[in-house]
Amino acid sequence: MQCTVQWEGGDGMAFTAQTETGHTLRMDGAPASAPGEPGGHNLAPRPMETVLAGTGGCTAYDVVYILKKARQDVRGCTVRIDAERAATDPKVFTRIHMHFTVTGKDLRPDMVHRAVELSHTKYCSASAMLEKTAEITFAVEIVAQE
């Protein structure tokens, strides 16, 4: 897997990432907090926000795939991620909580919980990396649909 990240130049801290599959992702920094410090223009997500977004996508993908494979009528999956970072550099994630809301018809709660657990303990590469520095917890909410 490859990715190229290029600074957009100028007076800001915006970067464009080009993925191996040909997709583009833009990232930017927060405005400078003091004169002379590097700062962005707040025109795109921060790089660490994209790490969380990628982790959410990775784990949601797993959950939906596992439930579909188990022939569950899953119709929606949302993951809200709340994270804390270290106060000093490198400001790694130290705590991450994932709240899964899974919707569907006649979903078996045991299968939904197991899908989330399997993603966390076996399949999600992103959360496996992040758990090296962060305590990762999760909660599951099931919403029935007819």
Protein backbone atom coordinates (compact mmCIF):
# COMPACT_ATOMS: atom_id res chain seq x y z
CA MET A 1 0.00 0.00 0.00
CA GLN A 2 1.29 3.42 -0.90
CA CYS A 3 0.26 7.01 -0.32
CA THR A 4 1.88 10.28 -1.35
CA VAL A 5 1.38 13.38 0.76
CA GLN A 6 2.36 16.75 -0.67
CA TRP A 7 2.43 20.16 0.99
CA GLU A 8 0.31 22.63 -0.97
CA GLY A 9 2.81 25.43 -0.31
CA GLY A 10 2.16 29.08 0.33
CA ASP A 11 1.66 30.50 3.79
CA GLY A 12 -0.44 27.62 5.14
CA MET A 13 -0.11 24.07 6.37
CA ALA A 14 -2.42 22.29 3.93
CA PHE A 15 -1.46 18.92 2.47
CA THR A 16 -2.97 16.72 -0.22
CA ALA A 17 -2.70 12.94 0.02
CA GLN A 18 -3.00 10.77 -3.07
CA THR A 19 -3.79 7.15 -2.31
CA GLU A 20 -2.67 4.11 -4.23
CA THR A 21 -6.25 3.61 -5.41
CA GLY A 22 -6.30 7.10 -6.93
CA HIS A 23 -8.31 8.92 -4.27
CA THR A 24 -7.43 12.34 -2.92
CA LEU A 25 -7.68 13.51 0.67
CA ARG A 26 -6.97 17.05 1.78
CA MET A 27 -5.73 17.93 5.28
CA ASP A 28 -5.08 21.30 6.90
CA GLY A 29 -3.91 22.67 10.22
CA ALA A 30 -5.51 24.97 12.71
CA PRO A 31 -4.68 28.66 12.41
CA ALA A 32 -1.44 29.64 14.17
CA SER A 33 -1.86 30.20 17.88
CA ALA A 34 0.96 32.78 18.00
CA PRO A 35 2.72 35.02 15.47
CA GLY A 36 5.54 33.25 13.66
CA GLU A 37 4.22 29.74 14.36
CA PRO A 38 3.11 27.56 11.48
CA GLY A 39 -0.61 27.47 11.01
CA GLY A 40 -3.22 26.40 8.56
CA HIS A 41 -6.42 27.96 7.32
CA ASN A 42 -8.87 25.43 8.80
CA LEU A 43 -10.05 24.36 5.33
CA ALA A 44 -9.89 20.59 5.83
CA PRO A 45 -9.65 17.98 8.60
CA ARG A 46 -6.53 17.82 10.76
CA PRO A 47 -4.24 14.85 10.10
CA MET A 48 -5.08 13.27 13.47
CA GLU A 49 -8.81 13.68 12.75
CA THR A 50 -8.26 11.61 9.61
CA VAL A 51 -6.62 8.92 11.76
CA LEU A 52 -9.79 8.70 13.86
CA ALA A 53 -12.01 8.79 10.76
CA GLY A 54 -10.00 5.97 9.20
CA THR A 55 -10.28 3.93 12.37
CA GLY A 56 -14.03 4.46 12.46
CA GLY A 57 -14.31 3.43 8.83
CA CYS A 58 -12.16 0.37 9.39
CA THR A 59 -14.18 -0.91 12.35
CA ALA A 60 -17.60 -0.04 10.87
CA TYR A 61 -16.62 -1.91 7.70
CA ASP A 62 -15.79 -4.98 9.80
CA VAL A 63 -19.03 -4.83 11.78
CA VAL A 64 -21.25 -4.51 8.70
CA TYR A 65 -19.33 -7.24 6.85
CA ILE A 66 -19.49 -9.67 9.81
CA LEU A 67 -23.22 -9.06 10.30
CA LYS A 68 -24.00 -9.47 6.60
CA LYS A 69 -21.97 -12.67 6.51
CA ALA A 70 -24.03 -13.89 9.49
CA ARG A 71 -27.17 -13.12 7.46
CA GLN A 72 -28.30 -10.36 9.79
CA ASP A 73 -30.56 -7.69 8.24
CA VAL A 74 -28.23 -4.79 9.06
CA ARG A 75 -29.39 -1.47 7.61
CA GLY A 76 -27.13 1.06 9.27
CA CYS A 77 -23.96 1.38 11.31
CA THR A 78 -22.68 4.59 12.88
CA VAL A 79 -19.61 4.90 15.07
CA ARG A 80 -19.14 7.98 17.24
CA ILE A 81 -15.55 8.24 18.41
CA ASP A 82 -14.47 10.33 21.38
CA ALA A 83 -10.72 10.51 21.93
CA GLU A 84 -8.21 12.11 24.23
CA ARG A 85 -4.61 12.90 23.36
CA ALA A 86 -1.46 13.23 25.44
CA ALA A 87 -0.69 16.75 26.62
CA THR A 88 2.92 16.67 25.39
CA ASP A 89 4.60 15.70 22.12
CA PRO A 90 4.12 13.30 20.56
CA LYS A 91 0.46 13.92 21.29
CA VAL A 92 -0.64 10.33 20.76
CA PHE A 93 -4.15 9.17 21.50
CA THR A 94 -4.37 7.94 25.08
CA ARG A 95 -8.07 7.12 25.34
CA ILE A 96 -10.57 6.26 22.61
CA HIS A 97 -14.23 5.39 23.15
CA MET A 98 -16.31 4.08 20.24
CA HIS A 99 -20.10 4.15 20.45
CA PHE A 100 -21.66 1.92 17.80
CA THR A 101 -25.27 2.45 16.75
CA VAL A 102 -26.35 -0.50 14.60
CA THR A 103 -29.77 -0.50 12.98
CA GLY A 104 -31.59 -3.32 11.32
CA LYS A 105 -34.51 -5.71 11.33
CA ASP A 106 -34.56 -8.55 13.87
CA LEU A 107 -30.89 -8.11 14.73
CA ARG A 108 -29.60 -10.58 17.30
CA PRO A 109 -27.91 -8.55 20.05
CA ASP A 110 -25.36 -11.30 20.71
CA MET A 111 -24.27 -11.24 17.06
CA VAL A 112 -24.01 -7.44 16.99
CA HIS A 113 -21.91 -7.39 20.16
CA ARG A 114 -19.75 -10.21 18.81
CA ALA A 115 -19.20 -8.38 15.50
CA VAL A 116 -18.01 -5.27 17.37
CA GLU A 117 -15.79 -7.37 19.62
CA LEU A 118 -14.27 -9.28 16.67
CA SER A 119 -13.52 -6.04 14.87
CA HIS A 120 -11.78 -4.70 17.96
CA THR A 121 -9.85 -7.84 18.89
CA LYS A 122 -9.12 -9.44 15.52
CA TYR A 123 -9.82 -7.55 12.31
CA CYS A 124 -9.47 -3.77 12.54
CA SER A 125 -5.86 -2.92 11.71
CA ALA A 126 -6.28 0.73 12.63
CA SER A 127 -7.55 0.11 16.16
CA ALA A 128 -4.87 -2.57 16.63
CA MET A 129 -2.24 0.10 16.01
CA LEU A 130 -3.92 2.72 18.16
CA GLU A 131 -4.32 0.39 21.12
CA LYS A 132 -0.52 0.46 21.49
CA THR A 133 -0.89 3.90 23.09
CA ALA A 134 -4.60 4.28 23.83
CA GLU A 135 -7.11 2.51 26.02
CA ILE A 136 -9.93 1.64 23.62
CA THR A 137 -13.43 1.02 24.92
CA PHE A 138 -16.71 0.57 23.10
CA ALA A 139 -20.45 0.55 23.64
CA VAL A 140 -23.16 -0.87 21.41
CA GLU A 141 -26.66 0.47 20.80
CA ILE A 142 -29.08 -1.52 18.65
CA VAL A 143 -31.97 0.22 16.95
CA ALA A 144 -34.74 -2.04 15.63
CA GLN A 145 -36.37 -1.28 12.29
CA GLU A 146 -39.37 -2.87 10.67
